[in-house]
Amino acid sequence: MNRKEWQAITEARDILKLGDKATLGEIKRAYHRLSKEHHPDLAGGDVEKEEIMYRLTSAYELLMRFCSEYRFPLKPDEDNIYDADDWWMDRFGQDPVWGKKRRQR
């Protein structure tokens, strides 16, 4: 992703008043909350509200497109099914905080 695309995503995040990290649910709730606030039908056809609504919608659509590019496995790999403890050690076993038992003082 290039600088221009990241800048657009940052602007969309700011328009929807999101933090640095957001779930899909948080993005949707922010859009719905702000669209209820700025919808031109509720504001009596205010032109300024209409412009804000266009910006909100384009920001929401951009973030949804960005999030939809990520793919997560919905089915486990049959050759590589982990026990819960094995899964944890595979991911965090080398981590100095989570990988070793803490010494008791």
Protein backbone atom coordinates (compact mmCIF):
# COMPACT_ATOMS: atom_id res chain seq x y z
CA MET A 1 0.00 0.00 0.00
CA ASN A 2 1.41 3.38 -0.93
CA ARG A 3 1.45 6.67 0.96
CA LYS A 4 -1.57 8.09 -0.87
CA GLU A 5 -3.73 5.07 0.01
CA TRP A 6 -2.65 5.20 3.68
CA GLN A 7 -3.42 8.91 3.76
CA ALA A 8 -6.94 8.22 2.44
CA ILE A 9 -7.45 5.54 5.10
CA THR A 10 -6.21 7.91 7.82
CA GLU A 11 -8.61 10.61 6.61
CA ALA A 12 -11.48 8.09 6.57
CA ARG A 13 -10.59 7.03 10.12
CA ASP A 14 -10.62 10.67 11.25
CA ILE A 15 -13.94 11.41 9.50
CA LEU A 16 -15.57 8.47 11.30
CA LYS A 17 -13.83 9.47 14.56
CA LEU A 18 -12.15 6.10 15.05
CA GLY A 19 -9.00 5.26 16.96
CA ASP A 20 -5.84 3.69 15.55
CA LYS A 21 -7.44 0.25 15.73
CA ALA A 22 -11.07 -0.59 15.03
CA THR A 23 -13.11 -3.70 14.45
CA LEU A 24 -15.63 -4.02 11.64
CA GLY A 25 -18.38 -3.61 14.25
CA GLU A 26 -16.85 -0.38 15.54
CA ILE A 27 -16.58 1.01 12.01
CA LYS A 28 -20.22 0.15 11.30
CA ARG A 29 -21.45 1.61 14.60
CA ALA A 30 -19.49 4.83 14.06
CA TYR A 31 -20.94 5.21 10.56
CA HIS A 32 -24.51 4.57 11.73
CA ARG A 33 -24.15 6.95 14.68
CA LEU A 34 -22.73 9.76 12.56
CA SER A 35 -25.13 9.21 9.68
CA LYS A 36 -28.10 9.54 12.05
CA GLU A 37 -26.59 12.78 13.27
CA HIS A 38 -25.85 14.27 9.83
CA HIS A 39 -28.46 12.77 7.51
CA PRO A 40 -29.95 15.52 5.27
CA ASP A 41 -33.49 14.15 5.61
CA LEU A 42 -33.34 14.66 9.35
CA ALA A 43 -31.78 18.11 8.99
CA GLY A 44 -34.45 19.48 6.67
CA GLY A 45 -32.42 19.29 3.46
CA ASP A 46 -29.39 21.20 4.75
CA VAL A 47 -26.74 21.31 1.99
CA GLU A 48 -23.88 21.24 4.50
CA LYS A 49 -25.27 18.10 6.10
CA GLU A 50 -25.57 16.53 2.66
CA GLU A 51 -21.86 17.16 1.99
CA ILE A 52 -20.93 15.68 5.39
CA MET A 53 -23.06 12.64 4.61
CA TYR A 54 -21.23 12.10 1.29
CA ARG A 55 -17.88 12.26 3.10
CA LEU A 56 -19.09 9.83 5.79
CA THR A 57 -20.33 7.36 3.20
CA SER A 58 -17.16 7.48 1.12
CA ALA A 59 -15.03 7.04 4.27
CA TYR A 60 -17.13 4.07 5.37
CA GLU A 61 -16.94 2.43 1.93
CA LEU A 62 -13.17 2.92 1.78
CA LEU A 63 -12.63 1.31 5.18
CA MET A 64 -14.95 -1.58 4.30
CA ARG A 65 -13.03 -2.20 1.06
CA PHE A 66 -9.75 -2.07 2.99
CA CYS A 67 -11.00 -4.56 5.58
CA SER A 68 -12.51 -6.90 3.01
CA GLU A 69 -9.09 -7.51 1.46
CA TYR A 70 -8.05 -9.56 4.49
CA ARG A 71 -8.80 -13.26 4.27
CA PHE A 72 -9.02 -15.54 7.29
CA PRO A 73 -9.24 -19.31 7.15
CA LEU A 74 -12.73 -20.50 7.96
CA LYS A 75 -11.76 -24.14 8.01
CA PRO A 76 -8.83 -25.70 9.88
CA ASP A 77 -5.97 -27.18 7.94
CA GLU A 78 -6.53 -30.93 8.30
CA ASP A 79 -2.79 -31.65 8.40
CA ASN A 80 -2.08 -29.10 11.08
CA ILE A 81 -4.71 -29.19 13.84
CA TYR A 82 -3.35 -27.93 17.14
CA ASP A 83 -4.13 -28.70 20.69
CA ALA A 84 -4.82 -25.42 22.56
CA ASP A 85 -1.50 -25.61 24.44
CA ASP A 86 0.41 -26.41 21.23
CA TRP A 87 -1.26 -23.47 19.47
CA TRP A 88 -0.23 -21.13 22.28
CA MET A 89 3.37 -22.35 22.36
CA ASP A 90 3.62 -22.18 18.56
CA ARG A 91 2.70 -18.50 18.61
CA PHE A 92 4.06 -17.26 21.93
CA GLY A 93 6.56 -19.92 23.01
CA GLN A 94 9.57 -17.78 22.14
CA ASP A 95 8.10 -14.67 23.71
CA PRO A 96 10.04 -13.72 26.87
CA VAL A 97 6.87 -12.74 28.74
CA TRP A 98 4.42 -15.48 27.69
CA GLY A 99 6.73 -18.32 26.74
CA LYS A 100 8.27 -19.15 30.10
CA LYS A 101 6.80 -19.59 33.51
CA ARG A 102 7.54 -16.68 35.77
CA ARG A 103 9.86 -17.18 38.66
CA GLN A 104 8.21 -16.89 42.02
CA ARG A 105 10.02 -14.65 44.46
